[in-house]
Amino acid sequence: MNKLKILKKLKNNLELNIEEMEELSSHLPNETYSFIRECLEKRGKVLISEISENCLLYLESFGICSLTSDVFIREYAEEIGYYALNYNKKIFEELFTYLESKKSS
């Protein structure tokens, strides 16, 4: 199963088997872990540093999150070096829980 199908299953709140979770973790970039932690700590809408932009774009490509649709807010944030993000908290929590368990094992 490819990573897009796996992420769609997560988005639909379906359970993933161990094999699917291992495949998903092999596709996630390393910075995703800290990015998800940052998003969860801030809750809801969050401004993230330019350094995390690649991670945001990676997750955005799967529909997990999206840059804010408010053009004025987005332009202002980008001017001062930040990117505004809206995200699906439940999906981030599921990914974060899994990544946390992998990191501690």
Foldseek 3Di string as FASTA:
>chain_A
DDLLVLLVCLVVVHDDDPVSLVRNVVPQDPCLQVVLVVDLVVDFKDKDALVCVVNVVVCVVSVQKDFDPPVVVQVVSVVVGITIIGGDNSSSVVNNVSVVVVVVD
